[in-house]
Amino acid sequence: MNKEETIQKLKEIVKPYVKEAELLKNINEDTDFINDLNINSANLVDVVLDVEEAFDIEIDAASMEKMRDVKSALAVIEEKLALK
């Protein structure tokens, strides 16, 4: 799976937690989940759980804290997939 495919999959995962669909149109590596997509911290935990399920990976607490934006989420996903 390349980076664009992973971003698209991530976009589908966060979609239910984004109240304004317009915000999803320009999602890219620099998109911040909280500041740009207005996802609250409680829902961010749900996003991480959904990422675990979608990619069949386990994300530890330290990695979870890093997942504040798309770029860091991609890095965590790639790291965890490499360990499988």
PDB file of N, CA and C in Angstrom:
ATOM      1  N   MET A   1       0.855  -1.176   0.000  1.00  0.00           N
ATOM      2  CA  MET A   1       0.000   0.000   0.000  1.00  0.00           C
ATOM      3  C   MET A   1       0.902   1.240   0.000  1.00  0.00           C
ATOM      4  N   ASN A   2       0.678   2.136  -0.969  1.00  0.00           N
ATOM      5  CA  ASN A   2       1.499   3.339  -1.011  1.00  0.00           C
ATOM      6  C   ASN A   2       0.920   4.436  -0.115  1.00  0.00           C
ATOM      7  N   LYS A   3       1.635   5.544  -0.022  1.00  0.00           N
ATOM      8  CA  LYS A   3       1.251   6.619   0.890  1.00  0.00           C
ATOM      9  C   LYS A   3      -0.123   7.205   0.546  1.00  0.00           C
ATOM     10  N   GLU A   4      -0.392   7.396  -0.734  1.00  0.00           N
ATOM     11  CA  GLU A   4      -1.690   7.958  -1.141  1.00  0.00           C
ATOM     12  C   GLU A   4      -2.840   7.027  -0.764  1.00  0.00           C
ATOM     13  N   GLU A   5      -2.636   5.734  -0.950  1.00  0.00           N
ATOM     14  CA  GLU A   5      -3.672   4.762  -0.587  1.00  0.00           C
ATOM     15  C   GLU A   5      -3.900   4.761   0.926  1.00  0.00           C
ATOM     16  N   THR A   6      -2.810   4.894   1.671  1.00  0.00           N
ATOM     17  CA  THR A   6      -2.926   4.928   3.129  1.00  0.00           C
ATOM     18  C   THR A   6      -3.654   6.190   3.575  1.00  0.00           C
ATOM     19  N   ILE A   7      -3.344   7.330   2.934  1.00  0.00           N
ATOM     20  CA  ILE A   7      -4.037   8.582   3.267  1.00  0.00           C
ATOM     21  C   ILE A   7      -5.529   8.448   2.971  1.00  0.00           C
ATOM     22  N   GLN A   8      -5.875   7.830   1.849  1.00  0.00           N
ATOM     23  CA  GLN A   8      -7.289   7.651   1.501  1.00  0.00           C
ATOM     24  C   GLN A   8      -8.000   6.745   2.516  1.00  0.00           C
ATOM     25  N   LYS A   9      -7.316   5.706   2.944  1.00  0.00           N
ATOM     26  CA  LYS A   9      -7.902   4.807   3.944  1.00  0.00           C
ATOM     27  C   LYS A   9      -8.079   5.550   5.265  1.00  0.00           C
ATOM     28  N   LEU A  10      -7.088   6.366   5.616  1.00  0.00           N
ATOM     29  CA  LEU A  10      -7.158   7.173   6.834  1.00  0.00           C
ATOM     30  C   LEU A  10      -8.309   8.182   6.742  1.00  0.00           C
ATOM     31  N   LYS A  11      -8.493   8.738   5.567  1.00  0.00           N
ATOM     32  CA  LYS A  11      -9.589   9.692   5.332  1.00  0.00           C
ATOM     33  C   LYS A  11     -10.942   9.029   5.598  1.00  0.00           C
ATOM     34  N   GLU A  12     -11.102   7.795   5.140  1.00  0.00           N
ATOM     35  CA  GLU A  12     -12.349   7.056   5.373  1.00  0.00           C
ATOM     36  C   GLU A  12     -12.544   6.761   6.867  1.00  0.00           C
ATOM     37  N   ILE A  13     -11.430   6.510   7.560  1.00  0.00           N
ATOM     38  CA  ILE A  13     -11.502   6.212   8.992  1.00  0.00           C
ATOM     39  C   ILE A  13     -11.944   7.436   9.782  1.00  0.00           C
ATOM     40  N   VAL A  14     -11.403   8.616   9.454  1.00  0.00           N
ATOM     41  CA  VAL A  14     -11.727   9.822  10.234  1.00  0.00           C
ATOM     42  C   VAL A  14     -13.052  10.458   9.824  1.00  0.00           C
ATOM     43  N   LYS A  15     -13.548  10.105   8.654  1.00  0.00           N
ATOM     44  CA  LYS A  15     -14.779  10.713   8.123  1.00  0.00           C
ATOM     45  C   LYS A  15     -15.941  10.773   9.120  1.00  0.00           C
ATOM     46  N   PRO A  16     -16.251   9.691   9.849  1.00  0.00           N
ATOM     47  CA  PRO A  16     -17.384   9.758  10.787  1.00  0.00           C
ATOM     48  C   PRO A  16     -17.179  10.736  11.947  1.00  0.00           C
ATOM     49  N   TYR A  17     -15.931  11.122  12.191  1.00  0.00           N
ATOM     50  CA  TYR A  17     -15.635  11.992  13.333  1.00  0.00           C
ATOM     51  C   TYR A  17     -15.488  13.461  12.942  1.00  0.00           C
ATOM     52  N   VAL A  18     -15.571  13.734  11.639  1.00  0.00           N
ATOM     53  CA  VAL A  18     -15.441  15.110  11.142  1.00  0.00           C
ATOM     54  C   VAL A  18     -16.840  15.647  10.877  1.00  0.00           C
ATOM     55  N   LYS A  19     -17.188  16.715  11.595  1.00  0.00           N
ATOM     56  CA  LYS A  19     -18.544  17.263  11.489  1.00  0.00           C
ATOM     57  C   LYS A  19     -18.773  18.019  10.183  1.00  0.00           C
ATOM     58  N   GLU A  20     -17.715  18.616   9.626  1.00  0.00           N
ATOM     59  CA  GLU A  20     -17.833  19.372   8.378  1.00  0.00           C
ATOM     60  C   GLU A  20     -17.122  18.611   7.261  1.00  0.00           C
ATOM     61  N   ALA A  21     -17.891  18.007   6.377  1.00  0.00           N
ATOM     62  CA  ALA A  21     -17.333  17.195   5.291  1.00  0.00           C
ATOM     63  C   ALA A  21     -16.357  17.992   4.426  1.00  0.00           C
ATOM     64  N   GLU A  22     -16.590  19.286   4.316  1.00  0.00           N
ATOM     65  CA  GLU A  22     -15.738  20.173   3.522  1.00  0.00           C
ATOM     66  C   GLU A  22     -14.267  20.090   3.974  1.00  0.00           C
ATOM     67  N   LEU A  23     -14.057  19.876   5.277  1.00  0.00           N
ATOM     68  CA  LEU A  23     -12.706  19.833   5.828  1.00  0.00           C
ATOM     69  C   LEU A  23     -11.917  18.629   5.316  1.00  0.00           C
ATOM     70  N   LEU A  24     -12.601  17.579   4.918  1.00  0.00           N
ATOM     71  CA  LEU A  24     -11.937  16.358   4.454  1.00  0.00           C
ATOM     72  C   LEU A  24     -11.398  16.469   3.030  1.00  0.00           C
ATOM     73  N   LYS A  25     -11.920  17.421   2.268  1.00  0.00           N
ATOM     74  CA  LYS A  25     -11.547  17.531   0.858  1.00  0.00           C
ATOM     75  C   LYS A  25     -10.057  17.759   0.651  1.00  0.00           C
ATOM     76  N   ASN A  26      -9.448  18.531   1.520  1.00  0.00           N
ATOM     77  CA  ASN A  26      -8.040  18.884   1.341  1.00  0.00           C
ATOM     78  C   ASN A  26      -7.109  18.154   2.292  1.00  0.00           C
ATOM     79  N   ILE A  27      -7.516  16.981   2.740  1.00  0.00           N
ATOM     80  CA  ILE A  27      -6.681  16.235   3.682  1.00  0.00           C
ATOM     81  C   ILE A  27      -5.349  15.873   3.010  1.00  0.00           C
ATOM     82  N   ASN A  28      -4.264  16.110   3.735  1.00  0.00           N
ATOM     83  CA  ASN A  28      -2.927  15.773   3.246  1.00  0.00           C
ATOM     84  C   ASN A  28      -2.040  15.473   4.448  1.00  0.00           C
ATOM     85  N   GLU A  29      -0.760  15.291   4.223  1.00  0.00           N
ATOM     86  CA  GLU A  29       0.146  14.908   5.307  1.00  0.00           C
ATOM     87  C   GLU A  29       0.218  15.943   6.421  1.00  0.00           C
ATOM     88  N   ASP A  30      -0.019  17.200   6.087  1.00  0.00           N
ATOM     89  CA  ASP A  30       0.086  18.273   7.082  1.00  0.00           C
ATOM     90  C   ASP A  30      -1.204  18.515   7.860  1.00  0.00           C
ATOM     91  N   THR A  31      -2.256  17.782   7.536  1.00  0.00           N
ATOM     92  CA  THR A  31      -3.539  17.963   8.202  1.00  0.00           C
ATOM     93  C   THR A  31      -3.457  17.512   9.660  1.00  0.00           C
ATOM     94  N   ASP A  32      -3.836  18.415  10.559  1.00  0.00           N
ATOM     95  CA  ASP A  32      -3.864  18.129  11.998  1.00  0.00           C
ATOM     96  C   ASP A  32      -5.281  17.664  12.348  1.00  0.00           C
ATOM     97  N   PHE A  33      -5.367  16.531  13.041  1.00  0.00           N
ATOM     98  CA  PHE A  33      -6.685  15.978  13.353  1.00  0.00           C
ATOM     99  C   PHE A  33      -7.523  16.914  14.224  1.00  0.00           C
ATOM    100  N   ILE A  34      -6.912  17.506  15.220  1.00  0.00           N
ATOM    101  CA  ILE A  34      -7.658  18.351  16.156  1.00  0.00           C
ATOM    102  C   ILE A  34      -7.883  19.758  15.598  1.00  0.00           C
ATOM    103  N   ASN A  35      -6.817  20.406  15.136  1.00  0.00           N
ATOM    104  CA  ASN A  35      -6.923  21.801  14.696  1.00  0.00           C
ATOM    105  C   ASN A  35      -7.557  21.975  13.320  1.00  0.00           C
ATOM    106  N   ASP A  36      -7.243  21.076  12.377  1.00  0.00           N
ATOM    107  CA  ASP A  36      -7.766  21.230  11.016  1.00  0.00           C
ATOM    108  C   ASP A  36      -9.095  20.519  10.792  1.00  0.00           C
ATOM    109  N   LEU A  37      -9.264  19.352  11.415  1.00  0.00           N
ATOM    110  CA  LEU A  37     -10.486  18.569  11.199  1.00  0.00           C
ATOM    111  C   LEU A  37     -11.476  18.682  12.355  1.00  0.00           C
ATOM    112  N   ASN A  38     -11.070  19.394  13.392  1.00  0.00           N
ATOM    113  CA  ASN A  38     -11.936  19.608  14.563  1.00  0.00           C
ATOM    114  C   ASN A  38     -12.398  18.299  15.217  1.00  0.00           C
ATOM    115  N   ILE A  39     -11.505  17.318  15.246  1.00  0.00           N
ATOM    116  CA  ILE A  39     -11.804  16.065  15.932  1.00  0.00           C
ATOM    117  C   ILE A  39     -11.399  16.250  17.388  1.00  0.00           C
ATOM    118  N   ASN A  40     -12.320  15.989  18.305  1.00  0.00           N
ATOM    119  CA  ASN A  40     -11.956  16.179  19.714  1.00  0.00           C
ATOM    120  C   ASN A  40     -11.090  15.023  20.206  1.00  0.00           C
ATOM    121  N   SER A  41     -10.439  15.236  21.326  1.00  0.00           N
ATOM    122  CA  SER A  41      -9.468  14.248  21.817  1.00  0.00           C
ATOM    123  C   SER A  41     -10.110  12.901  22.136  1.00  0.00           C
ATOM    124  N   ALA A  42     -11.345  12.898  22.596  1.00  0.00           N
ATOM    125  CA  ALA A  42     -12.036  11.633  22.873  1.00  0.00           C
ATOM    126  C   ALA A  42     -12.246  10.853  21.573  1.00  0.00           C
ATOM    127  N   ASN A  43     -12.642  11.550  20.531  1.00  0.00           N
ATOM    128  CA  ASN A  43     -12.840  10.886  19.241  1.00  0.00           C
ATOM    129  C   ASN A  43     -11.514  10.469  18.611  1.00  0.00           C
ATOM    130  N   LEU A  44     -10.450  11.173  18.962  1.00  0.00           N
ATOM    131  CA  LEU A  44      -9.139  10.806  18.441  1.00  0.00           C
ATOM    132  C   LEU A  44      -8.746   9.400  18.912  1.00  0.00           C
ATOM    133  N   VAL A  45      -9.138   9.066  20.124  1.00  0.00           N
ATOM    134  CA  VAL A  45      -8.905   7.708  20.636  1.00  0.00           C
ATOM    135  C   VAL A  45      -9.678   6.708  19.782  1.00  0.00           C
ATOM    136  N   ASP A  46     -10.908   7.049  19.416  1.00  0.00           N
ATOM    137  CA  ASP A  46     -11.706   6.179  18.549  1.00  0.00           C
ATOM    138  C   ASP A  46     -11.052   6.018  17.183  1.00  0.00           C
ATOM    139  N   VAL A  47     -10.480   7.107  16.663  1.00  0.00           N
ATOM    140  CA  VAL A  47      -9.780   7.053  15.376  1.00  0.00           C
ATOM    141  C   VAL A  47      -8.625   6.055  15.467  1.00  0.00           C
ATOM    142  N   VAL A  48      -7.855   6.141  16.552  1.00  0.00           N
ATOM    143  CA  VAL A  48      -6.719   5.228  16.736  1.00  0.00           C
ATOM    144  C   VAL A  48      -7.202   3.778  16.794  1.00  0.00           C
ATOM    145  N   LEU A  49      -8.282   3.525  17.515  1.00  0.00           N
ATOM    146  CA  LEU A  49      -8.836   2.166  17.591  1.00  0.00           C
ATOM    147  C   LEU A  49      -9.291   1.683  16.209  1.00  0.00           C
ATOM    148  N   ASP A  50      -9.888   2.581  15.441  1.00  0.00           N
ATOM    149  CA  ASP A  50     -10.326   2.236  14.081  1.00  0.00           C
ATOM    150  C   ASP A  50      -9.126   1.968  13.172  1.00  0.00           C
ATOM    151  N   VAL A  51      -8.050   2.737  13.359  1.00  0.00           N
ATOM    152  CA  VAL A  51      -6.821   2.522  12.581  1.00  0.00           C
ATOM    153  C   VAL A  51      -6.252   1.141  12.908  1.00  0.00           C
ATOM    154  N   GLU A  52      -6.241   0.795  14.182  1.00  0.00           N
ATOM    155  CA  GLU A  52      -5.752  -0.532  14.581  1.00  0.00           C
ATOM    156  C   GLU A  52      -6.526  -1.635  13.864  1.00  0.00           C
ATOM    157  N   GLU A  53      -7.831  -1.495  13.858  1.00  0.00           N
ATOM    158  CA  GLU A  53      -8.685  -2.500  13.237  1.00  0.00           C
ATOM    159  C   GLU A  53      -8.503  -2.542  11.719  1.00  0.00           C
ATOM    160  N   ALA A  54      -8.485  -1.375  11.094  1.00  0.00           N
ATOM    161  CA  ALA A  54      -8.402  -1.306   9.634  1.00  0.00           C
ATOM    162  C   ALA A  54      -7.079  -1.838   9.097  1.00  0.00           C
ATOM    163  N   PHE A  55      -5.997  -1.581   9.827  1.00  0.00           N
ATOM    164  CA  PHE A  55      -4.667  -1.998   9.361  1.00  0.00           C
ATOM    165  C   PHE A  55      -4.168  -3.261  10.064  1.00  0.00           C
ATOM    166  N   ASP A  56      -4.980  -3.808  10.978  1.00  0.00           N
ATOM    167  CA  ASP A  56      -4.628  -5.010  11.734  1.00  0.00           C
ATOM    168  C   ASP A  56      -3.281  -4.841  12.441  1.00  0.00           C
ATOM    169  N   ILE A  57      -3.180  -3.739  13.207  1.00  0.00           N
ATOM    170  CA  ILE A  57      -1.966  -3.442  13.960  1.00  0.00           C
ATOM    171  C   ILE A  57      -2.348  -3.091  15.396  1.00  0.00           C
ATOM    172  N   GLU A  58      -1.351  -3.084  16.283  1.00  0.00           N
ATOM    173  CA  GLU A  58      -1.556  -2.634  17.654  1.00  0.00           C
ATOM    174  C   GLU A  58      -0.754  -1.372  17.869  1.00  0.00           C
ATOM    175  N   ILE A  59      -1.401  -0.350  18.399  1.00  0.00           N
ATOM    176  CA  ILE A  59      -0.743   0.936  18.628  1.00  0.00           C
ATOM    177  C   ILE A  59      -0.629   1.152  20.132  1.00  0.00           C
ATOM    178  N   ASP A  60       0.608   1.243  20.609  1.00  0.00           N
ATOM    179  CA  ASP A  60       0.850   1.447  22.037  1.00  0.00           C
ATOM    180  C   ASP A  60       0.596   2.913  22.408  1.00  0.00           C
ATOM    181  N   ALA A  61       0.552   3.184  23.702  1.00  0.00           N
ATOM    182  CA  ALA A  61       0.222   4.523  24.195  1.00  0.00           C
ATOM    183  C   ALA A  61       1.194   5.585  23.682  1.00  0.00           C
ATOM    184  N   ALA A  62       2.480   5.276  23.641  1.00  0.00           N
ATOM    185  CA  ALA A  62       3.473   6.249  23.173  1.00  0.00           C
ATOM    186  C   ALA A  62       3.244   6.602  21.706  1.00  0.00           C
ATOM    187  N   SER A  63       2.943   5.607  20.900  1.00  0.00           N
ATOM    188  CA  SER A  63       2.665   5.857  19.479  1.00  0.00           C
ATOM    189  C   SER A  63       1.353   6.604  19.299  1.00  0.00           C
ATOM    190  N   MET A  64       0.385   6.271  20.141  1.00  0.00           N
ATOM    191  CA  MET A  64      -0.919   6.926  20.073  1.00  0.00           C
ATOM    192  C   MET A  64      -0.775   8.434  20.290  1.00  0.00           C
ATOM    193  N   GLU A  65       0.064   8.810  21.230  1.00  0.00           N
ATOM    194  CA  GLU A  65       0.268  10.229  21.530  1.00  0.00           C
ATOM    195  C   GLU A  65       0.910  10.972  20.375  1.00  0.00           C
ATOM    196  N   LYS A  66       1.645  10.268  19.538  1.00  0.00           N
ATOM    197  CA  LYS A  66       2.296  10.892  18.374  1.00  0.00           C
ATOM    198  C   LYS A  66       1.297  11.188  17.257  1.00  0.00           C
ATOM    199  N   MET A  67       0.186  10.474  17.245  1.00  0.00           N
ATOM    200  CA  MET A  67      -0.755  10.557  16.120  1.00  0.00           C
ATOM    201  C   MET A  67      -1.662  11.784  16.192  1.00  0.00           C
ATOM    202  N   ARG A  68      -1.055  12.942  16.038  1.00  0.00           N
ATOM    203  CA  ARG A  68      -1.794  14.216  16.090  1.00  0.00           C
ATOM    204  C   ARG A  68      -2.154  14.743  14.707  1.00  0.00           C
ATOM    205  N   ASP A  69      -1.414  14.286  13.703  1.00  0.00           N
ATOM    206  CA  ASP A  69      -1.669  14.734  12.333  1.00  0.00           C
ATOM    207  C   ASP A  69      -1.491  13.549  11.383  1.00  0.00           C
ATOM    208  N   VAL A  70      -1.824  13.777  10.133  1.00  0.00           N
ATOM    209  CA  VAL A  70      -1.783  12.694   9.152  1.00  0.00           C
ATOM    210  C   VAL A  70      -0.367  12.163   8.981  1.00  0.00           C
ATOM    211  N   LYS A  71       0.610  13.058   8.913  1.00  0.00           N
ATOM    212  CA  LYS A  71       1.998  12.634   8.700  1.00  0.00           C
ATOM    213  C   LYS A  71       2.476  11.698   9.816  1.00  0.00           C
ATOM    214  N   SER A  72       2.220  12.066  11.062  1.00  0.00           N
ATOM    215  CA  SER A  72       2.658  11.215  12.169  1.00  0.00           C
ATOM    216  C   SER A  72       1.850   9.923  12.213  1.00  0.00           C
ATOM    217  N   ALA A  73       0.580   9.981  11.853  1.00  0.00           N
ATOM    218  CA  ALA A  73      -0.241   8.765  11.805  1.00  0.00           C
ATOM    219  C   ALA A  73       0.307   7.806  10.747  1.00  0.00           C
ATOM    220  N   LEU A  74       0.687   8.347   9.588  1.00  0.00           N
ATOM    221  CA  LEU A  74       1.269   7.514   8.536  1.00  0.00           C
ATOM    222  C   LEU A  74       2.553   6.850   9.018  1.00  0.00           C
ATOM    223  N   ALA A  75       3.382   7.612   9.736  1.00  0.00           N
ATOM    224  CA  ALA A  75       4.646   7.074  10.247  1.00  0.00           C
ATOM    225  C   ALA A  75       4.394   5.930  11.221  1.00  0.00           C
ATOM    226  N   VAL A  76       3.417   6.112  12.114  1.00  0.00           N
ATOM    227  CA  VAL A  76       3.088   5.069  13.088  1.00  0.00           C
ATOM    228  C   VAL A  76       2.542   3.832  12.373  1.00  0.00           C
ATOM    229  N   ILE A  77       1.649   4.039  11.419  1.00  0.00           N
ATOM    230  CA  ILE A  77       1.062   2.920  10.673  1.00  0.00           C
ATOM    231  C   ILE A  77       2.160   2.151   9.938  1.00  0.00           C
ATOM    232  N   GLU A  78       3.040   2.875   9.232  1.00  0.00           N
ATOM    233  CA  GLU A  78       4.128   2.226   8.498  1.00  0.00           C
ATOM    234  C   GLU A  78       5.046   1.453   9.436  1.00  0.00           C
ATOM    235  N   GLU A  79       5.364   2.051  10.592  1.00  0.00           N
ATOM    236  CA  GLU A  79       6.233   1.409  11.575  1.00  0.00           C
ATOM    237  C   GLU A  79       5.606   0.110  12.078  1.00  0.00           C
ATOM    238  N   LYS A  80       4.322   0.167  12.424  1.00  0.00           N
ATOM    239  CA  LYS A  80       3.646  -1.016  12.967  1.00  0.00           C
ATOM    240  C   LYS A  80       3.456  -2.104  11.902  1.00  0.00           C
ATOM    241  N   LEU A  81       3.188  -1.690  10.669  1.00  0.00           N
ATOM    242  CA  LEU A  81       3.047  -2.681   9.585  1.00  0.00           C
ATOM    243  C   LEU A  81       4.376  -3.375   9.311  1.00  0.00           C
ATOM    244  N   ALA A  82       5.470  -2.643   9.446  1.00  0.00           N
ATOM    245  CA  ALA A  82       6.797  -3.222   9.212  1.00  0.00           C
ATOM    246  C   ALA A  82       7.146  -4.274  10.260  1.00  0.00           C
ATOM    247  N   LEU A  83       6.542  -4.147  11.436  1.00  0.00           N
ATOM    248  CA  LEU A  83       6.816  -5.099  12.520  1.00  0.00           C
ATOM    249  C   LEU A  83       5.997  -6.378  12.415  1.00  0.00           C
ATOM    250  N   LYS A  84       5.029  -6.403  11.522  1.00  0.00           N
ATOM    251  CA  LYS A  84       4.153  -7.585  11.386  1.00  0.00           C
ATOM    252  C   LYS A  84       4.868  -8.728  10.729  1.00  0.00           C
TER     253      LYS A  84
END
